[in-house]
C-alpha atoms as a PDB file:
ATOM      1  CA  ALA A   1      -2.793 -29.987   1.966  1.00  0.00           C
ATOM      2  CA  ALA A   2      -3.180 -30.240  -1.813  1.00  0.00           C
ATOM      3  CA  ARG A   3      -2.678 -34.017  -1.684  1.00  0.00           C
ATOM      4  CA  ALA A   4      -5.471 -34.214   0.865  1.00  0.00           C
ATOM      5  CA  GLY A   5      -7.853 -32.506  -1.545  1.00  0.00           C
ATOM      6  CA  THR A   6      -7.566 -28.918  -0.317  1.00  0.00           C
ATOM      7  CA  VAL A   7      -7.063 -26.186  -2.906  1.00  0.00           C
ATOM      8  CA  VAL A   8      -3.950 -24.221  -1.977  1.00  0.00           C
ATOM      9  CA  ILE A   9      -3.482 -20.641  -3.176  1.00  0.00           C
ATOM     10  CA  ASP A  10       0.227 -20.189  -2.662  1.00  0.00           C
ATOM     11  CA  ASN A  11       1.684 -16.737  -2.035  1.00  0.00           C
ATOM     12  CA  SER A  12       5.311 -17.831  -2.299  1.00  0.00           C
ATOM     13  CA  SER A  13       7.369 -18.049  -5.482  1.00  0.00           C
ATOM     14  CA  ALA A  14       7.820 -21.826  -5.150  1.00  0.00           C
ATOM     15  CA  PHE A  15       5.285 -22.927  -7.793  1.00  0.00           C
ATOM     16  CA  ARG A  16       4.843 -19.866  -9.990  1.00  0.00           C
ATOM     17  CA  MET A  17       6.787 -21.166 -12.960  1.00  0.00           C
ATOM     18  CA  THR A  18       5.789 -24.837 -12.545  1.00  0.00           C
ATOM     19  CA  PRO A  19       4.015 -25.668 -15.837  1.00  0.00           C
ATOM     20  CA  ALA A  20       1.215 -27.621 -14.160  1.00  0.00           C
ATOM     21  CA  VAL A  21       0.402 -24.813 -11.701  1.00  0.00           C
ATOM     22  CA  PRO A  22      -1.770 -21.881 -12.840  1.00  0.00           C
ATOM     23  CA  LEU A  23      -0.325 -18.429 -12.146  1.00  0.00           C
ATOM     24  CA  VAL A  24      -3.356 -16.198 -11.887  1.00  0.00           C
ATOM     25  CA  VAL A  25      -4.422 -12.568 -11.834  1.00  0.00           C
ATOM     26  CA  PRO A  26      -8.241 -12.728 -12.005  1.00  0.00           C
ATOM     27  CA  GLU A  27      -8.597  -9.580 -14.129  1.00  0.00           C
ATOM     28  CA  VAL A  28      -6.241 -11.112 -16.697  1.00  0.00           C
ATOM     29  CA  ASN A  29      -6.419 -14.927 -16.850  1.00  0.00           C
ATOM     30  CA  PRO A  30      -9.219 -16.277 -14.621  1.00  0.00           C
ATOM     31  CA  GLU A  31      -9.839 -19.193 -16.991  1.00  0.00           C
ATOM     32  CA  ASP A  32      -6.450 -20.637 -16.048  1.00  0.00           C
ATOM     33  CA  ILE A  33      -7.842 -21.466 -12.603  1.00  0.00           C
ATOM     34  CA  LYS A  34      -9.913 -24.311 -14.009  1.00  0.00           C
ATOM     35  CA  TRP A  35      -6.918 -26.505 -14.862  1.00  0.00           C
ATOM     36  CA  HIS A  36      -5.467 -26.452 -11.348  1.00  0.00           C
ATOM     37  CA  LYS A  37      -4.428 -29.720  -9.723  1.00  0.00           C
ATOM     38  CA  GLY A  38      -4.781 -28.481  -6.167  1.00  0.00           C
ATOM     39  CA  ILE A  39      -2.305 -25.572  -6.230  1.00  0.00           C
ATOM     40  CA  ILE A  40      -2.774 -22.098  -7.689  1.00  0.00           C
ATOM     41  CA  ALA A  41       0.111 -19.624  -7.534  1.00  0.00           C
ATOM     42  CA  ASN A  42      -0.236 -15.952  -6.663  1.00  0.00           C
ATOM     43  CA  PRO A  43       2.180 -13.835  -8.751  1.00  0.00           C
ATOM     44  CA  ASN A  44       4.828 -11.386  -7.629  1.00  0.00           C
ATOM     45  CA  CYS A  45       3.506  -8.018  -6.438  1.00  0.00           C
ATOM     46  CA  SER A  46       5.225  -5.944  -9.124  1.00  0.00           C
ATOM     47  CA  THR A  47       4.057  -8.327 -11.847  1.00  0.00           C
ATOM     48  CA  ILE A  48       0.420  -8.204 -10.731  1.00  0.00           C
ATOM     49  CA  GLN A  49      -0.048  -4.469 -11.079  1.00  0.00           C
ATOM     50  CA  MET A  50       1.790  -4.364 -14.395  1.00  0.00           C
ATOM     51  CA  VAL A  51      -0.318  -7.051 -16.090  1.00  0.00           C
ATOM     52  CA  VAL A  52      -3.580  -5.596 -14.739  1.00  0.00           C
ATOM     53  CA  ALA A  53      -2.661  -2.319 -16.445  1.00  0.00           C
ATOM     54  CA  LEU A  54      -1.258  -3.759 -19.665  1.00  0.00           C
ATOM     55  CA  ASN A  55      -3.530  -6.689 -20.495  1.00  0.00           C
ATOM     56  CA  PRO A  56      -6.548  -4.567 -21.554  1.00  0.00           C
ATOM     57  CA  LEU A  57      -4.300  -2.807 -24.068  1.00  0.00           C
ATOM     58  CA  HIS A  58      -2.628  -6.059 -25.154  1.00  0.00           C
ATOM     59  CA  LYS A  59      -6.024  -7.547 -26.078  1.00  0.00           C
ATOM     60  CA  VAL A  60      -6.675  -4.629 -28.436  1.00  0.00           C
ATOM     61  CA  ASN A  61      -3.153  -4.134 -29.792  1.00  0.00           C
ATOM     62  CA  PRO A  62      -0.676  -6.947 -29.020  1.00  0.00           C
ATOM     63  CA  ILE A  63       2.379  -5.862 -27.057  1.00  0.00           C
ATOM     64  CA  LYS A  64       5.786  -6.587 -28.527  1.00  0.00           C
ATOM     65  CA  ARG A  65       8.115  -5.154 -25.887  1.00  0.00           C
ATOM     66  CA  ILE A  66       8.003  -3.867 -22.302  1.00  0.00           C
ATOM     67  CA  VAL A  67      10.728  -1.941 -20.492  1.00  0.00           C
ATOM     68  CA  ALA A  68       9.836  -1.514 -16.822  1.00  0.00           C
ATOM     69  CA  VAL A  69      11.488   0.370 -13.992  1.00  0.00           C
ATOM     70  CA  THR A  70       9.913  -0.231 -10.590  1.00  0.00           C
ATOM     71  CA  TYR A  71      10.080   1.823  -7.405  1.00  0.00           C
ATOM     72  CA  GLN A  72       9.146  -0.612  -4.663  1.00  0.00           C
ATOM     73  CA  ALA A  73       8.141   0.072  -1.074  1.00  0.00           C
ATOM     74  CA  VAL A  74       9.954  -1.501   1.859  1.00  0.00           C
ATOM     75  CA  SER A  75       6.818  -3.313   3.045  1.00  0.00           C
ATOM     76  CA  GLY A  76       7.446  -5.708   0.177  1.00  0.00           C
ATOM     77  CA  THR A  77      10.401  -7.000   2.167  1.00  0.00           C
ATOM     78  CA  GLY A  78       8.442  -7.343   5.412  1.00  0.00           C
ATOM     79  CA  SER A  79       7.864  -5.770   8.802  1.00  0.00           C
ATOM     80  CA  ALA A  80      11.563  -5.730   9.685  1.00  0.00           C
ATOM     81  CA  ALA A  81      12.215  -3.502   6.664  1.00  0.00           C
ATOM     82  CA  VAL A  82       9.441  -1.119   7.697  1.00  0.00           C
ATOM     83  CA  GLU A  83      10.996  -0.882  11.148  1.00  0.00           C
ATOM     84  CA  GLU A  84      14.439  -0.331   9.635  1.00  0.00           C
ATOM     85  CA  LEU A  85      13.249   2.555   7.448  1.00  0.00           C
ATOM     86  CA  THR A  86      11.475   4.128  10.422  1.00  0.00           C
ATOM     87  CA  GLU A  87      14.508   3.853  12.697  1.00  0.00           C
ATOM     88  CA  GLN A  88      17.031   4.966  10.078  1.00  0.00           C
ATOM     89  CA  SER A  89      14.930   8.004   9.197  1.00  0.00           C
ATOM     90  CA  LYS A  90      14.994   9.079  12.838  1.00  0.00           C
ATOM     91  CA  GLN A  91      18.744   8.461  13.050  1.00  0.00           C
ATOM     92  CA  VAL A  92      19.528  10.485   9.933  1.00  0.00           C
ATOM     93  CA  LEU A  93      17.368  13.410  11.038  1.00  0.00           C
ATOM     94  CA  GLU A  94      19.090  13.370  14.423  1.00  0.00           C
ATOM     95  CA  GLY A  95      22.565  13.273  12.856  1.00  0.00           C
ATOM     96  CA  GLN A  96      23.311   9.718  13.950  1.00  0.00           C
ATOM     97  CA  ASN A  97      25.015   6.947  12.018  1.00  0.00           C
ATOM     98  CA  THR A  98      22.854   4.185  10.560  1.00  0.00           C
ATOM     99  CA  VAL A  99      23.672   0.477  10.612  1.00  0.00           C
ATOM    100  CA  PRO A 100      21.740  -1.502   7.970  1.00  0.00           C
ATOM    101  CA  HIS A 101      20.468  -4.952   8.901  1.00  0.00           C
ATOM    102  CA  VAL A 102      17.725  -5.808   6.411  1.00  0.00           C
ATOM    103  CA  TYR A 103      19.263  -4.191   3.329  1.00  0.00           C
ATOM    104  CA  PRO A 104      22.909  -4.097   2.226  1.00  0.00           C
ATOM    105  CA  HIS A 105      22.962  -0.294   2.544  1.00  0.00           C
ATOM    106  CA  GLN A 106      21.027   2.452   4.277  1.00  0.00           C
ATOM    107  CA  ILE A 107      17.497   2.700   2.862  1.00  0.00           C
ATOM    108  CA  ALA A 108      16.440   5.956   4.549  1.00  0.00           C
ATOM    109  CA  PHE A 109      16.883   8.902   2.139  1.00  0.00           C
ATOM    110  CA  ASN A 110      18.406   6.476  -0.362  1.00  0.00           C
ATOM    111  CA  ILE A 111      17.412   4.109  -3.188  1.00  0.00           C
ATOM    112  CA  LEU A 112      18.804   0.646  -3.872  1.00  0.00           C
ATOM    113  CA  PRO A 113      18.802  -0.922  -7.367  1.00  0.00           C
ATOM    114  CA  GLU A 114      18.826  -4.397  -5.815  1.00  0.00           C
ATOM    115  CA  ILE A 115      15.749  -6.444  -4.933  1.00  0.00           C
ATOM    116  CA  ASP A 116      16.426 -10.091  -4.148  1.00  0.00           C
ATOM    117  CA  VAL A 117      19.632 -11.815  -5.259  1.00  0.00           C
ATOM    118  CA  PHE A 118      21.620 -11.182  -8.427  1.00  0.00           C
ATOM    119  CA  LEU A 119      21.479 -13.912 -11.059  1.00  0.00           C
ATOM    120  CA  ASP A 120      24.144 -15.078 -13.493  1.00  0.00           C
ATOM    121  CA  ASN A 121      22.648 -12.857 -16.219  1.00  0.00           C
ATOM    122  CA  ASP A 122      23.139  -9.770 -13.975  1.00  0.00           C
ATOM    123  CA  TYR A 123      19.408  -9.271 -13.505  1.00  0.00           C
ATOM    124  CA  THR A 124      18.058  -9.616  -9.983  1.00  0.00           C
ATOM    125  CA  LYS A 125      15.651 -12.416  -9.147  1.00  0.00           C
ATOM    126  CA  GLU A 126      12.868  -9.838  -8.726  1.00  0.00           C
ATOM    127  CA  GLU A 127      13.504  -8.484 -12.209  1.00  0.00           C
ATOM    128  CA  TRP A 128      13.526 -11.944 -13.738  1.00  0.00           C
ATOM    129  CA  LYS A 129      10.249 -12.812 -11.984  1.00  0.00           C
ATOM    130  CA  MET A 130       8.637  -9.921 -13.854  1.00  0.00           C
ATOM    131  CA  VAL A 131       9.949 -11.238 -17.164  1.00  0.00           C
ATOM    132  CA  GLU A 132       8.877 -14.864 -16.749  1.00  0.00           C
ATOM    133  CA  GLU A 133       5.646 -14.341 -14.825  1.00  0.00           C
ATOM    134  CA  THR A 134       4.304 -11.703 -17.213  1.00  0.00           C
ATOM    135  CA  ARG A 135       4.760 -14.010 -20.189  1.00  0.00           C
ATOM    136  CA  LYS A 136       3.022 -16.895 -18.401  1.00  0.00           C
ATOM    137  CA  ILE A 137       0.058 -14.874 -17.087  1.00  0.00           C
ATOM    138  CA  MET A 138      -0.583 -13.097 -20.385  1.00  0.00           C
ATOM    139  CA  HIS A 139       0.008 -16.244 -22.474  1.00  0.00           C
ATOM    140  CA  ALA A 140       2.537 -14.247 -24.465  1.00  0.00           C
ATOM    141  CA  PRO A 141       5.891 -16.060 -24.509  1.00  0.00           C
ATOM    142  CA  ASP A 142       7.263 -13.849 -27.275  1.00  0.00           C
ATOM    143  CA  ILE A 143       6.921 -10.485 -25.525  1.00  0.00           C
ATOM    144  CA  ALA A 144      10.377  -8.969 -25.058  1.00  0.00           C
ATOM    145  CA  ILE A 145      10.629  -7.733 -21.459  1.00  0.00           C
ATOM    146  CA  SER A 146      13.355  -6.018 -19.475  1.00  0.00           C
ATOM    147  CA  ALA A 147      13.073  -4.670 -15.938  1.00  0.00           C
ATOM    148  CA  VAL A 148      15.069  -2.761 -13.355  1.00  0.00           C
ATOM    149  CA  CYS A 149      13.642  -3.087  -9.844  1.00  0.00           C
ATOM    150  CA  VAL A 150      14.542  -0.429  -7.290  1.00  0.00           C
ATOM    151  CA  ARG A 151      13.847  -0.318  -3.538  1.00  0.00           C
ATOM    152  CA  VAL A 152      12.793   3.154  -2.388  1.00  0.00           C
ATOM    153  CA  PRO A 153      12.190   4.666   1.071  1.00  0.00           C
ATOM    154  CA  VAL A 154       8.397   4.418   0.870  1.00  0.00           C
ATOM    155  CA  PHE A 155       6.399   2.324   3.323  1.00  0.00           C
ATOM    156  CA  ILE A 156       3.503   1.117   1.131  1.00  0.00           C
ATOM    157  CA  GLY A 157       2.851   1.306  -2.580  1.00  0.00           C
ATOM    158  CA  HIS A 158       4.847   0.097  -5.589  1.00  0.00           C
ATOM    159  CA  SER A 159       5.267   2.421  -8.579  1.00  0.00           C
ATOM    160  CA  GLU A 160       6.292   1.481 -12.108  1.00  0.00           C
ATOM    161  CA  ALA A 161       7.438   3.447 -15.135  1.00  0.00           C
ATOM    162  CA  LEU A 162       6.491   1.392 -18.195  1.00  0.00           C
ATOM    163  CA  HIS A 163       7.668   1.903 -21.765  1.00  0.00           C
ATOM    164  CA  VAL A 164       5.508  -0.287 -23.987  1.00  0.00           C
ATOM    165  CA  GLU A 165       5.874  -1.077 -27.681  1.00  0.00           C
ATOM    166  CA  PHE A 166       2.708  -2.269 -29.425  1.00  0.00           C
ATOM    167  CA  SER A 167       2.266  -4.049 -32.749  1.00  0.00           C
ATOM    168  CA  GLN A 168       0.575  -0.968 -34.198  1.00  0.00           C
ATOM    169  CA  PRO A 169       0.407   2.685 -33.140  1.00  0.00           C
ATOM    170  CA  LEU A 170      -1.933   3.303 -30.189  1.00  0.00           C
ATOM    171  CA  ALA A 171      -3.050   6.832 -29.364  1.00  0.00           C
ATOM    172  CA  ALA A 172      -2.713   7.871 -25.742  1.00  0.00           C
ATOM    173  CA  ASP A 173      -6.367   8.958 -25.639  1.00  0.00           C
ATOM    174  CA  ASP A 174      -7.463   5.539 -26.891  1.00  0.00           C
ATOM    175  CA  ALA A 175      -5.328   3.854 -24.241  1.00  0.00           C
ATOM    176  CA  LYS A 176      -6.916   6.024 -21.550  1.00  0.00           C
ATOM    177  CA  ARG A 177     -10.392   5.139 -22.777  1.00  0.00           C
ATOM    178  CA  ILE A 178      -9.628   1.406 -22.787  1.00  0.00           C
ATOM    179  CA  LEU A 179      -8.067   1.486 -19.328  1.00  0.00           C
ATOM    180  CA  ALA A 180     -10.908   3.562 -17.886  1.00  0.00           C
ATOM    181  CA  GLN A 181     -13.251   0.676 -18.739  1.00  0.00           C
ATOM    182  CA  ALA A 182     -10.933  -2.103 -17.524  1.00  0.00           C
ATOM    183  CA  PRO A 183     -11.725  -4.038 -14.324  1.00  0.00           C
ATOM    184  CA  GLY A 184      -9.526  -3.179 -11.366  1.00  0.00           C
ATOM    185  CA  VAL A 185      -8.016  -0.111 -13.059  1.00  0.00           C
ATOM    186  CA  LYS A 186      -8.480   3.573 -12.291  1.00  0.00           C
ATOM    187  CA  VAL A 187      -7.047   6.215 -14.596  1.00  0.00           C
ATOM    188  CA  LEU A 188      -5.665   9.336 -12.911  1.00  0.00           C
ATOM    189  CA  ASP A 189      -4.241  11.395 -15.720  1.00  0.00           C
ATOM    190  CA  ASP A 190      -4.451  15.171 -15.927  1.00  0.00           C
ATOM    191  CA  PRO A 191      -0.973  16.739 -15.990  1.00  0.00           C
ATOM    192  CA  GLY A 192      -2.477  20.210 -16.076  1.00  0.00           C
ATOM    193  CA  ILE A 193      -3.549  19.892 -12.442  1.00  0.00           C
ATOM    194  CA  SER A 194      -0.734  17.501 -11.428  1.00  0.00           C
ATOM    195  CA  LEU A 195      -3.133  14.539 -11.283  1.00  0.00           C
ATOM    196  CA  TYR A 196      -1.316  11.210 -11.446  1.00  0.00           C
ATOM    197  CA  PRO A 197      -0.994   8.072  -9.297  1.00  0.00           C
ATOM    198  CA  GLN A 198       1.082   8.266  -6.123  1.00  0.00           C
ATOM    199  CA  PRO A 199       1.938   5.555  -3.600  1.00  0.00           C
ATOM    200  CA  TRP A 200       0.691   7.515  -0.588  1.00  0.00           C
ATOM    201  CA  SER A 201      -2.799   7.826  -2.060  1.00  0.00           C
ATOM    202  CA  ALA A 202      -2.823   4.265  -3.414  1.00  0.00           C
ATOM    203  CA  ALA A 203      -2.054   2.822   0.028  1.00  0.00           C
ATOM    204  CA  GLY A 204      -5.076   1.147   1.554  1.00  0.00           C
ATOM    205  CA  THR A 205      -6.927   0.809  -1.764  1.00  0.00           C
ATOM    206  CA  ASP A 206      -7.617  -2.154  -4.023  1.00  0.00           C
ATOM    207  CA  ASP A 207      -7.265  -0.721  -7.533  1.00  0.00           C
ATOM    208  CA  VAL A 208      -4.328  -0.391  -9.902  1.00  0.00           C
ATOM    209  CA  PHE A 209      -3.877   3.285 -10.745  1.00  0.00           C
ATOM    210  CA  VAL A 210      -2.538   4.399 -14.135  1.00  0.00           C
ATOM    211  CA  GLY A 211      -1.478   7.857 -15.289  1.00  0.00           C
ATOM    212  CA  ARG A 212       1.102   9.855 -17.240  1.00  0.00           C
ATOM    213  CA  ILE A 213      -0.084   8.004 -20.348  1.00  0.00           C
ATOM    214  CA  HIS A 214       1.615   9.555 -23.342  1.00  0.00           C
ATOM    215  CA  ARG A 215       3.348   8.824 -26.611  1.00  0.00           C
ATOM    216  CA  ASP A 216       6.879   7.465 -26.461  1.00  0.00           C
ATOM    217  CA  VAL A 217       8.788   9.763 -28.821  1.00  0.00           C
ATOM    218  CA  SER A 218      11.507   7.123 -29.245  1.00  0.00           C
ATOM    219  CA  HIS A 219       9.201   4.659 -31.059  1.00  0.00           C
ATOM    220  CA  PRO A 220       6.183   5.165 -33.370  1.00  0.00           C
ATOM    221  CA  ASN A 221       4.290   2.304 -31.700  1.00  0.00           C
ATOM    222  CA  GLY A 222       5.281   3.198 -28.154  1.00  0.00           C
ATOM    223  CA  LEU A 223       3.451   4.503 -25.097  1.00  0.00           C
ATOM    224  CA  VAL A 224       4.745   5.490 -21.676  1.00  0.00           C
ATOM    225  CA  MET A 225       2.708   5.133 -18.496  1.00  0.00           C
ATOM    226  CA  TRP A 226       3.009   5.298 -14.719  1.00  0.00           C
ATOM    227  CA  VAL A 227       1.386   2.505 -12.697  1.00  0.00           C
ATOM    228  CA  VAL A 228       0.902   2.455  -8.908  1.00  0.00           C
ATOM    229  CA  ALA A 229      -0.775   0.003  -6.521  1.00  0.00           C
ATOM    230  CA  ASP A 230      -0.821  -1.029  -2.872  1.00  0.00           C
ATOM    231  CA  ASN A 231       1.633  -3.927  -2.848  1.00  0.00           C
ATOM    232  CA  LEU A 232       0.108  -5.446   0.285  1.00  0.00           C
ATOM    233  CA  ARG A 233      -3.445  -5.470  -1.085  1.00  0.00           C
ATOM    234  CA  LYS A 234      -3.688  -5.981  -4.858  1.00  0.00           C
ATOM    235  CA  GLY A 235      -0.034  -7.007  -4.865  1.00  0.00           C
ATOM    236  CA  ALA A 236      -0.641  -9.856  -2.425  1.00  0.00           C
ATOM    237  CA  ALA A 237      -3.654 -10.428  -0.156  1.00  0.00           C
ATOM    238  CA  LEU A 238      -6.443  -9.089  -2.387  1.00  0.00           C
ATOM    239  CA  ASN A 239      -5.321 -11.044  -5.439  1.00  0.00           C
ATOM    240  CA  THR A 240      -5.351 -14.229  -3.349  1.00  0.00           C
ATOM    241  CA  ILE A 241      -8.905 -13.510  -2.161  1.00  0.00           C
ATOM    242  CA  GLN A 242     -10.031 -12.785  -5.712  1.00  0.00           C
ATOM    243  CA  ILE A 243      -8.659 -16.157  -6.857  1.00  0.00           C
ATOM    244  CA  ALA A 244     -10.605 -17.873  -4.070  1.00  0.00           C
ATOM    245  CA  GLU A 245     -13.751 -16.002  -5.054  1.00  0.00           C
ATOM    246  CA  GLU A 246     -13.371 -17.151  -8.657  1.00  0.00           C
ATOM    247  CA  LEU A 247     -12.893 -20.739  -7.500  1.00  0.00           C
ATOM    248  CA  ILE A 248     -16.142 -20.665  -5.567  1.00  0.00           C
ATOM    249  CA  LYS A 249     -18.172 -18.626  -8.062  1.00  0.00           C
ATOM    250  CA  ARG A 250     -17.257 -20.879 -10.979  1.00  0.00           C
ATOM    251  CA  ASP A 251     -17.387 -24.117  -8.953  1.00  0.00           C
ATOM    252  CA  TRP A 252     -13.778 -24.965  -9.760  1.00  0.00           C
ATOM    253  CA  LEU A 253     -12.801 -26.154  -6.290  1.00  0.00           C
ATOM    254  CA  HIS A 254     -12.251 -29.807  -7.120  1.00  0.00           C
ATOM    255  CA  PRO A 255      -8.976 -30.690  -8.889  1.00  0.00           C
ATOM    256  CA  GLY A 256      -9.546 -32.689 -12.031  1.00  0.00           C
ATOM    257  CA  GLU A 257     -13.200 -31.623 -12.273  1.00  0.00           C
ATOM    258  CA  ALA A 258     -12.796 -27.910 -12.910  1.00  0.00           C
ATOM    259  CA  GLY A 259     -12.409 -28.299 -16.650  1.00  0.00           C
ATOM    260  CA  LYS A 260     -15.528 -30.500 -17.002  1.00  0.00           C
END
């Protein structure tokens, strides 16, 4: 399709790290769209919500290091995984044995620190996607990133615990103020009334929700935050639509002419 002149927004991982293919989150790097050659890649779901939350802070105070732990819903695997969680939950509650088919172990009432295949460096492919894609999208090849990606028995909504080291100290209140003004971000942060993002309330919405923003006592330049989004919407379909909207709005549809 791309050879025939159609602009392809690809939701697979096939072209994400191809140098000539833009990897785009419109709230973060929309200008990258203009150098497309017919294919634009949509990032991984867990990467999308993380960069939407972190890029506004990175522009003010460059990030040096990110340690992420994700808690990812079964819908990220597909409809068969949703069916498996539903069926296994019934079986467990009825005292029956479960037989996993989609995952290597029972997912109902369990968590699995394995998303996608294990690589030679002992990270999973999902974890390594977060490392490489984040650097490409944010144009920050020197950010040190480590991730542990965990599958949890939730139907919709990925959650992430992020420990972020900045170049300089950043007060939690300043981070909240910056994020409250950022496109695509909603801050839910009032521990006194147990207000923080949750996957059940994020499901069916388009924003990236951020809360539990506080100082990381282990590092003078560190902050901790909790980030949640609907993995089927902003993590996939919505981001694709937003890329298409940018293409049309900026008249960047034609490969080779977008940068003119």
